[in-house]
Structures are given as structure tokens and as C-alpha cells.
Amino acid sequence: MTVIARNANEQLVLDFFEVLSSGDLEKLRGFYHDKSVWEPKVKDIPGAGKHIGMDIIDEFLAPVRGMFEPGDPKVHVHRIFSAGEMVCVESNSTGKTADGKVYDNDYCWVFKISNGKVDEMREYMDSLYTAKLFGLA
């Protein structure tokens, strides 16, 4: 099923996931400003906490993506809906970890968009699955 954006904010989020799935972290910088926030809503696993500005790329995404084979994981958007500046997405991510384990996790994302940039994003996922996969639980 192909998900179609109904407005500019939804298209921005779909474009974001396309770039995230490509692994091009430098290109991702264009989606953020210096006060953007990415907050994985998890505890006690790598990446937990709030990540702000370009630290999203340098301190958070680069190490997390390094836990996977190059180019993984891929995000597959299943549903998208929005109200004004808020966009919500249901997705799953698939790929292989750096040591060859299969990764397949479900996600929900809540974005706040303004002026063509991501102001805030909250990432909800099965953190127990992730912790077990990476030997943290």
C-alpha cells in the first residue's frame, strides 16, 4: 500500500522517512533547526532521552544507525494523518543488525512541523523487543 500525503506537512514527514531509510544522515540535517527535538519514548536502551538540534544526527542517529548493517533499518509507513502542525504516522522498520540479526519493529511517530522543518518528534516503539535483540534485557 502506498501512502499519499494530503498536505505539505504530511509530505515533509514522508520525505523525512525516505531520507532516513536511505541512511543519508547529512541530508537529514535539512529537516531540522537548532532547537528541533527528537524524543524516543523509551527507557534504558541506547538513544533514550531528548536529542536537540544537530545532536540528533551526531550524538543520536549516527551511533544508533551504526548498530545496523549499512543502509538499515528501512522505515515502511502504513498510515499517516494530521491536524494542522501535528502529523502522526504508524510504521514498521526492518533490516539487519550489524551482527546479522533480523530487525522488525513497530512504531508510532508524532511530529510537530512548522516553517517546513521538524520542531518536535516523539518516537514510540517496542523497546523490550529492541532491548532483547541487542542483548540489553
N, C-alpha and C. Protein backbone atom coordinates (compact mmCIF):
# COMPACT_ATOMS: atom_id res chain seq x y z
N MET A 1 0.85 -1.18 0.00
CA MET A 1 0.00 0.00 0.00
C MET A 1 0.89 1.24 0.00
N THR A 2 0.65 2.13 -0.92
CA THR A 2 1.38 3.38 -0.98
C THR A 2 0.61 4.44 -0.20
N VAL A 3 1.31 5.11 0.69
CA VAL A 3 0.70 6.16 1.49
C VAL A 3 0.88 7.48 0.77
N ILE A 4 -0.20 8.24 0.63
CA ILE A 4 -0.20 9.51 -0.09
C ILE A 4 -0.41 10.66 0.91
N ALA A 5 0.43 11.68 0.80
CA ALA A 5 0.28 12.87 1.64
C ALA A 5 -0.91 13.69 1.18
N ARG A 6 -1.63 14.25 2.13
CA ARG A 6 -2.77 15.12 1.82
C ARG A 6 -2.46 16.59 2.02
N ASN A 7 -1.26 16.89 2.51
CA ASN A 7 -0.88 18.28 2.71
C ASN A 7 0.65 18.37 2.81
N ALA A 8 1.16 19.58 2.89
CA ALA A 8 2.61 19.80 2.89
C ALA A 8 3.29 19.20 4.12
N ASN A 9 2.65 19.26 5.28
CA ASN A 9 3.28 18.69 6.48
C ASN A 9 3.41 17.18 6.37
N GLU A 10 2.37 16.53 5.86
CA GLU A 10 2.45 15.08 5.67
C GLU A 10 3.53 14.74 4.65
N GLN A 11 3.64 15.52 3.58
CA GLN A 11 4.68 15.26 2.58
C GLN A 11 6.06 15.42 3.17
N LEU A 12 6.25 16.43 4.02
CA LEU A 12 7.54 16.62 4.67
C LEU A 12 7.91 15.38 5.48
N VAL A 13 6.94 14.84 6.21
CA VAL A 13 7.21 13.66 7.04
C VAL A 13 7.50 12.44 6.16
N LEU A 14 6.76 12.25 5.08
CA LEU A 14 7.06 11.14 4.16
C LEU A 14 8.45 11.30 3.55
N ASP A 15 8.81 12.52 3.18
CA ASP A 15 10.15 12.78 2.65
C ASP A 15 11.21 12.48 3.71
N PHE A 16 10.93 12.87 4.95
CA PHE A 16 11.85 12.59 6.06
C PHE A 16 12.14 11.09 6.16
N PHE A 17 11.07 10.27 6.15
CA PHE A 17 11.27 8.83 6.27
C PHE A 17 12.01 8.24 5.07
N GLU A 18 11.80 8.80 3.90
CA GLU A 18 12.53 8.33 2.72
C GLU A 18 14.03 8.57 2.90
N VAL A 19 14.38 9.76 3.38
CA VAL A 19 15.80 10.08 3.59
C VAL A 19 16.36 9.26 4.76
N LEU A 20 15.60 9.14 5.84
CA LEU A 20 16.06 8.32 6.97
C LEU A 20 16.34 6.90 6.51
N SER A 21 15.47 6.34 5.71
CA SER A 21 15.66 4.97 5.22
C SER A 21 16.86 4.84 4.30
N SER A 22 17.25 5.93 3.67
CA SER A 22 18.41 5.88 2.78
C SER A 22 19.72 5.82 3.56
N GLY A 23 19.68 6.25 4.82
CA GLY A 23 20.90 6.29 5.63
C GLY A 23 21.73 7.54 5.42
N ASP A 24 21.25 8.49 4.61
CA ASP A 24 21.99 9.72 4.32
C ASP A 24 21.79 10.72 5.46
N LEU A 25 22.62 10.59 6.49
CA LEU A 25 22.45 11.43 7.68
C LEU A 25 22.71 12.90 7.39
N GLU A 26 23.61 13.19 6.46
CA GLU A 26 23.87 14.60 6.13
C GLU A 26 22.63 15.25 5.52
N LYS A 27 21.94 14.53 4.66
CA LYS A 27 20.73 15.07 4.04
C LYS A 27 19.62 15.28 5.08
N LEU A 28 19.63 14.48 6.14
CA LEU A 28 18.62 14.64 7.20
C LEU A 28 18.74 15.97 7.91
N ARG A 29 19.92 16.55 7.94
CA ARG A 29 20.11 17.84 8.63
C ARG A 29 19.13 18.89 8.12
N GLY A 30 18.76 18.83 6.86
CA GLY A 30 17.87 19.81 6.28
C GLY A 30 16.46 19.79 6.85
N PHE A 31 16.09 18.74 7.57
CA PHE A 31 14.76 18.65 8.17
C PHE A 31 14.69 19.32 9.54
N TYR A 32 15.85 19.68 10.10
CA TYR A 32 15.91 20.18 11.47
C TYR A 32 16.43 21.61 11.54
N HIS A 33 16.17 22.25 12.67
CA HIS A 33 16.79 23.53 13.02
C HIS A 33 17.47 23.34 14.37
N ASP A 34 18.12 24.37 14.88
CA ASP A 34 18.95 24.19 16.08
C ASP A 34 18.16 23.90 17.36
N LYS A 35 16.83 24.03 17.33
CA LYS A 35 16.03 23.73 18.52
C LYS A 35 15.08 22.54 18.30
N SER A 36 15.23 21.85 17.17
CA SER A 36 14.41 20.66 16.92
C SER A 36 14.68 19.62 18.01
N VAL A 37 13.65 18.83 18.32
CA VAL A 37 13.76 17.79 19.34
C VAL A 37 13.28 16.46 18.78
N TRP A 38 14.08 15.42 18.96
CA TRP A 38 13.67 14.03 18.68
C TRP A 38 13.71 13.33 20.02
N GLU A 39 12.57 12.81 20.45
CA GLU A 39 12.49 12.14 21.74
C GLU A 39 11.95 10.72 21.60
N PRO A 40 12.85 9.73 21.61
CA PRO A 40 12.36 8.35 21.68
C PRO A 40 11.72 8.14 23.06
N LYS A 41 10.51 7.66 23.07
CA LYS A 41 9.77 7.46 24.33
C LYS A 41 10.09 6.06 24.86
N VAL A 42 11.36 5.86 25.23
CA VAL A 42 11.86 4.60 25.75
C VAL A 42 12.72 4.89 26.97
N LYS A 43 13.04 3.83 27.70
CA LYS A 43 13.93 3.95 28.85
C LYS A 43 14.98 2.85 28.78
N ASP A 44 16.16 3.18 29.23
CA ASP A 44 17.23 2.21 29.45
C ASP A 44 17.69 1.46 28.21
N ILE A 45 17.60 2.07 27.02
CA ILE A 45 18.20 1.49 25.82
C ILE A 45 18.95 2.61 25.10
N PRO A 46 19.91 2.26 24.23
CA PRO A 46 20.64 3.30 23.51
C PRO A 46 19.68 4.24 22.78
N GLY A 47 19.93 5.54 22.91
CA GLY A 47 19.11 6.54 22.24
C GLY A 47 18.02 7.14 23.10
N ALA A 48 17.80 6.60 24.30
CA ALA A 48 16.76 7.14 25.18
C ALA A 48 17.07 8.59 25.53
N GLY A 49 16.02 9.39 25.74
CA GLY A 49 16.17 10.79 26.12
C GLY A 49 15.86 11.74 24.98
N LYS A 50 15.99 13.03 25.24
CA LYS A 50 15.72 14.05 24.23
C LYS A 50 17.02 14.40 23.51
N HIS A 51 16.92 14.53 22.20
CA HIS A 51 18.06 14.92 21.37
C HIS A 51 17.67 16.21 20.66
N ILE A 52 18.57 17.19 20.70
CA ILE A 52 18.22 18.55 20.27
C ILE A 52 19.18 19.03 19.18
N GLY A 53 18.58 19.73 18.19
CA GLY A 53 19.37 20.33 17.11
C GLY A 53 20.16 19.31 16.34
N MET A 54 21.36 19.65 15.94
CA MET A 54 22.17 18.74 15.13
C MET A 54 22.75 17.59 15.94
N ASP A 55 22.61 17.62 17.29
CA ASP A 55 22.96 16.46 18.09
C ASP A 55 22.06 15.27 17.73
N ILE A 56 20.88 15.56 17.16
CA ILE A 56 20.02 14.48 16.68
C ILE A 56 20.80 13.59 15.71
N ILE A 57 21.56 14.21 14.84
CA ILE A 57 22.34 13.47 13.86
C ILE A 57 23.62 12.92 14.48
N ASP A 58 24.39 13.81 15.10
CA ASP A 58 25.74 13.48 15.54
C ASP A 58 25.80 12.58 16.77
N GLU A 59 24.98 12.87 17.75
CA GLU A 59 25.04 12.15 19.03
C GLU A 59 24.05 11.00 19.13
N PHE A 60 22.98 11.04 18.31
CA PHE A 60 21.93 10.04 18.42
C PHE A 60 21.87 9.12 17.19
N LEU A 61 21.55 9.66 16.04
CA LEU A 61 21.32 8.81 14.87
C LEU A 61 22.58 8.09 14.39
N ALA A 62 23.70 8.76 14.36
CA ALA A 62 24.92 8.10 13.87
C ALA A 62 25.24 6.86 14.71
N PRO A 63 25.26 6.94 16.04
CA PRO A 63 25.53 5.72 16.82
C PRO A 63 24.44 4.65 16.68
N VAL A 64 23.17 5.07 16.67
CA VAL A 64 22.09 4.09 16.55
C VAL A 64 22.15 3.40 15.19
N ARG A 65 22.32 4.16 14.13
CA ARG A 65 22.40 3.55 12.79
C ARG A 65 23.63 2.65 12.70
N GLY A 66 24.67 2.96 13.47
CA GLY A 66 25.86 2.12 13.49
C GLY A 66 25.62 0.74 14.08
N MET A 67 24.49 0.55 14.75
CA MET A 67 24.14 -0.75 15.31
C MET A 67 23.56 -1.69 14.26
N PHE A 68 23.37 -1.15 13.03
CA PHE A 68 22.74 -1.90 11.94
C PHE A 68 23.71 -2.03 10.77
N GLU A 69 23.37 -2.96 9.86
CA GLU A 69 24.12 -3.04 8.61
C GLU A 69 23.97 -1.71 7.87
N PRO A 70 24.95 -1.31 7.07
CA PRO A 70 24.84 -0.05 6.33
C PRO A 70 23.54 0.01 5.52
N GLY A 71 22.85 1.13 5.62
CA GLY A 71 21.59 1.33 4.90
C GLY A 71 20.36 0.83 5.63
N ASP A 72 20.53 0.17 6.76
CA ASP A 72 19.39 -0.32 7.55
C ASP A 72 19.31 0.46 8.85
N PRO A 73 18.14 0.48 9.46
CA PRO A 73 16.87 -0.11 9.04
C PRO A 73 16.11 0.80 8.08
N LYS A 74 15.14 0.20 7.40
CA LYS A 74 14.24 0.92 6.49
C LYS A 74 12.91 1.15 7.20
N VAL A 75 12.33 2.32 6.99
CA VAL A 75 11.02 2.65 7.58
C VAL A 75 9.95 2.46 6.51
N HIS A 76 8.89 1.76 6.88
CA HIS A 76 7.76 1.49 5.98
C HIS A 76 6.52 2.15 6.60
N VAL A 77 6.06 3.23 6.00
CA VAL A 77 4.90 3.96 6.52
C VAL A 77 3.63 3.24 6.09
N HIS A 78 2.76 3.00 7.07
CA HIS A 78 1.48 2.32 6.81
C HIS A 78 0.29 3.27 6.85
N ARG A 79 0.35 4.26 7.74
CA ARG A 79 -0.74 5.24 7.86
C ARG A 79 -0.14 6.59 8.25
N ILE A 80 -0.79 7.63 7.75
CA ILE A 80 -0.40 8.99 8.12
C ILE A 80 -1.66 9.82 8.22
N PHE A 81 -1.73 10.65 9.23
CA PHE A 81 -2.84 11.59 9.36
C PHE A 81 -2.35 12.81 10.10
N SER A 82 -3.06 13.91 9.93
CA SER A 82 -2.58 15.17 10.51
C SER A 82 -3.73 16.09 10.87
N ALA A 83 -3.41 17.02 11.72
CA ALA A 83 -4.29 18.12 12.09
C ALA A 83 -3.39 19.33 12.29
N GLY A 84 -3.44 20.26 11.36
CA GLY A 84 -2.61 21.45 11.47
C GLY A 84 -1.13 21.10 11.46
N GLU A 85 -0.43 21.55 12.49
CA GLU A 85 1.02 21.35 12.57
C GLU A 85 1.41 19.95 13.05
N MET A 86 0.44 19.16 13.49
CA MET A 86 0.72 17.84 14.04
C MET A 86 0.49 16.76 12.98
N VAL A 87 1.45 15.83 12.89
CA VAL A 87 1.37 14.70 11.95
C VAL A 87 1.67 13.43 12.74
N CYS A 88 0.84 12.40 12.53
CA CYS A 88 1.02 11.12 13.19
C CYS A 88 1.23 10.04 12.14
N VAL A 89 2.15 9.12 12.41
CA VAL A 89 2.49 8.05 11.47
C VAL A 89 2.54 6.72 12.22
N GLU A 90 1.95 5.68 11.60
CA GLU A 90 2.17 4.31 12.02
C GLU A 90 3.11 3.68 11.00
N SER A 91 4.13 2.99 11.49
CA SER A 91 5.11 2.39 10.59
C SER A 91 5.72 1.15 11.22
N ASN A 92 6.53 0.47 10.43
CA ASN A 92 7.44 -0.52 10.98
C ASN A 92 8.79 -0.31 10.32
N SER A 93 9.81 -0.79 10.99
CA SER A 93 11.16 -0.68 10.47
C SER A 93 11.74 -2.08 10.37
N THR A 94 12.42 -2.33 9.26
CA THR A 94 13.01 -3.64 9.04
C THR A 94 14.45 -3.49 8.59
N GLY A 95 15.22 -4.52 8.83
CA GLY A 95 16.60 -4.54 8.39
C GLY A 95 17.37 -5.59 9.15
N LYS A 96 18.68 -5.45 9.12
CA LYS A 96 19.55 -6.36 9.85
C LYS A 96 20.48 -5.56 10.75
N THR A 97 20.74 -6.13 11.92
CA THR A 97 21.68 -5.52 12.83
C THR A 97 23.10 -5.74 12.31
N ALA A 98 24.05 -5.05 12.89
CA ALA A 98 25.44 -5.18 12.46
C ALA A 98 25.94 -6.61 12.58
N ASP A 99 25.36 -7.40 13.50
CA ASP A 99 25.78 -8.79 13.64
C ASP A 99 24.84 -9.77 12.92
N GLY A 100 23.99 -9.22 12.01
CA GLY A 100 23.19 -10.06 11.13
C GLY A 100 21.83 -10.51 11.62
N LYS A 101 21.40 -10.04 12.80
CA LYS A 101 20.07 -10.40 13.29
C LYS A 101 19.00 -9.62 12.53
N VAL A 102 17.85 -10.26 12.33
CA VAL A 102 16.73 -9.61 11.65
C VAL A 102 16.07 -8.63 12.62
N TYR A 103 15.80 -7.42 12.12
CA TYR A 103 15.10 -6.38 12.90
C TYR A 103 13.76 -6.11 12.23
N ASP A 104 12.69 -6.13 13.02
CA ASP A 104 11.35 -5.83 12.52
C ASP A 104 10.54 -5.33 13.70
N ASN A 105 10.40 -4.02 13.79
CA ASN A 105 9.75 -3.40 14.95
C ASN A 105 8.67 -2.43 14.49
N ASP A 106 7.61 -2.34 15.28
CA ASP A 106 6.50 -1.42 15.00
C ASP A 106 6.73 -0.09 15.71
N TYR A 107 6.25 0.98 15.05
CA TYR A 107 6.45 2.34 15.57
C TYR A 107 5.19 3.18 15.41
N CYS A 108 5.09 4.18 16.26
CA CYS A 108 4.17 5.29 16.06
C CYS A 108 4.99 6.56 16.29
N TRP A 109 4.77 7.54 15.45
CA TRP A 109 5.54 8.79 15.49
C TRP A 109 4.56 9.96 15.57
N VAL A 110 4.89 10.95 16.38
CA VAL A 110 4.11 12.18 16.44
C VAL A 110 5.08 13.34 16.16
N PHE A 111 4.78 14.07 15.11
CA PHE A 111 5.62 15.19 14.67
C PHE A 111 4.88 16.51 14.89
N LYS A 112 5.63 17.53 15.22
CA LYS A 112 5.14 18.91 15.17
C LYS A 112 6.01 19.61 14.12
N ILE A 113 5.34 20.16 13.11
CA ILE A 113 6.03 20.77 11.97
C ILE A 113 5.71 22.26 11.92
N SER A 114 6.72 23.07 11.63
CA SER A 114 6.45 24.48 11.34
C SER A 114 7.53 25.01 10.39
N ASN A 115 7.11 25.90 9.51
CA ASN A 115 8.02 26.53 8.55
C ASN A 115 8.87 25.51 7.79
N GLY A 116 8.26 24.36 7.45
CA GLY A 116 8.96 23.36 6.65
C GLY A 116 10.05 22.60 7.37
N LYS A 117 10.04 22.63 8.69
CA LYS A 117 11.05 21.92 9.49
C LYS A 117 10.35 21.13 10.59
N VAL A 118 11.06 20.12 11.11
CA VAL A 118 10.57 19.36 12.25
C VAL A 118 10.92 20.12 13.52
N ASP A 119 9.89 20.55 14.25
CA ASP A 119 10.12 21.18 15.55
C ASP A 119 10.31 20.11 16.63
N GLU A 120 9.41 19.13 16.62
CA GLU A 120 9.46 18.07 17.62
C GLU A 120 9.04 16.76 16.98
N MET A 121 9.61 15.68 17.47
CA MET A 121 9.12 14.36 17.09
C MET A 121 9.27 13.44 18.29
N ARG A 122 8.20 12.68 18.50
CA ARG A 122 8.20 11.67 19.56
C ARG A 122 8.07 10.31 18.88
N GLU A 123 8.92 9.40 19.27
CA GLU A 123 9.02 8.07 18.66
C GLU A 123 8.60 7.03 19.69
N TYR A 124 7.57 6.28 19.37
CA TYR A 124 7.08 5.20 20.22
C TYR A 124 7.37 3.88 19.52
N MET A 125 7.93 2.91 20.26
CA MET A 125 8.30 1.63 19.66
C MET A 125 8.26 0.55 20.73
N ASP A 126 8.42 -0.69 20.31
CA ASP A 126 8.51 -1.80 21.24
C ASP A 126 9.94 -1.86 21.77
N SER A 127 10.18 -1.19 22.87
CA SER A 127 11.53 -1.08 23.41
C SER A 127 12.00 -2.40 24.03
N LEU A 128 11.09 -3.24 24.53
CA LEU A 128 11.51 -4.54 25.06
C LEU A 128 12.06 -5.42 23.93
N TYR A 129 11.39 -5.40 22.78
CA TYR A 129 11.89 -6.15 21.62
C TYR A 129 13.31 -5.69 21.28
N THR A 130 13.51 -4.38 21.23
CA THR A 130 14.82 -3.83 20.88
C THR A 130 15.86 -4.21 21.92
N ALA A 131 15.50 -4.08 23.20
CA ALA A 131 16.45 -4.42 24.28
C ALA A 131 16.86 -5.89 24.20
N LYS A 132 15.90 -6.78 23.95
CA LYS A 132 16.22 -8.20 23.84
C LYS A 132 17.11 -8.48 22.62
N LEU A 133 16.77 -7.87 21.50
CA LEU A 133 17.53 -8.09 20.27
C LEU A 133 19.00 -7.72 20.43
N PHE A 134 19.24 -6.61 21.14
CA PHE A 134 20.61 -6.12 21.31
C PHE A 134 21.25 -6.60 22.61
N GLY A 135 20.61 -7.58 23.27
CA GLY A 135 21.19 -8.17 24.47
C GLY A 135 21.20 -7.28 25.68
N LEU A 136 20.25 -6.36 25.77
CA LEU A 136 20.18 -5.42 26.88
C LEU A 136 19.15 -5.83 27.93
N ALA A 137 18.38 -6.88 27.64
CA ALA A 137 17.35 -7.32 28.59
C ALA A 137 17.37 -8.84 28.69
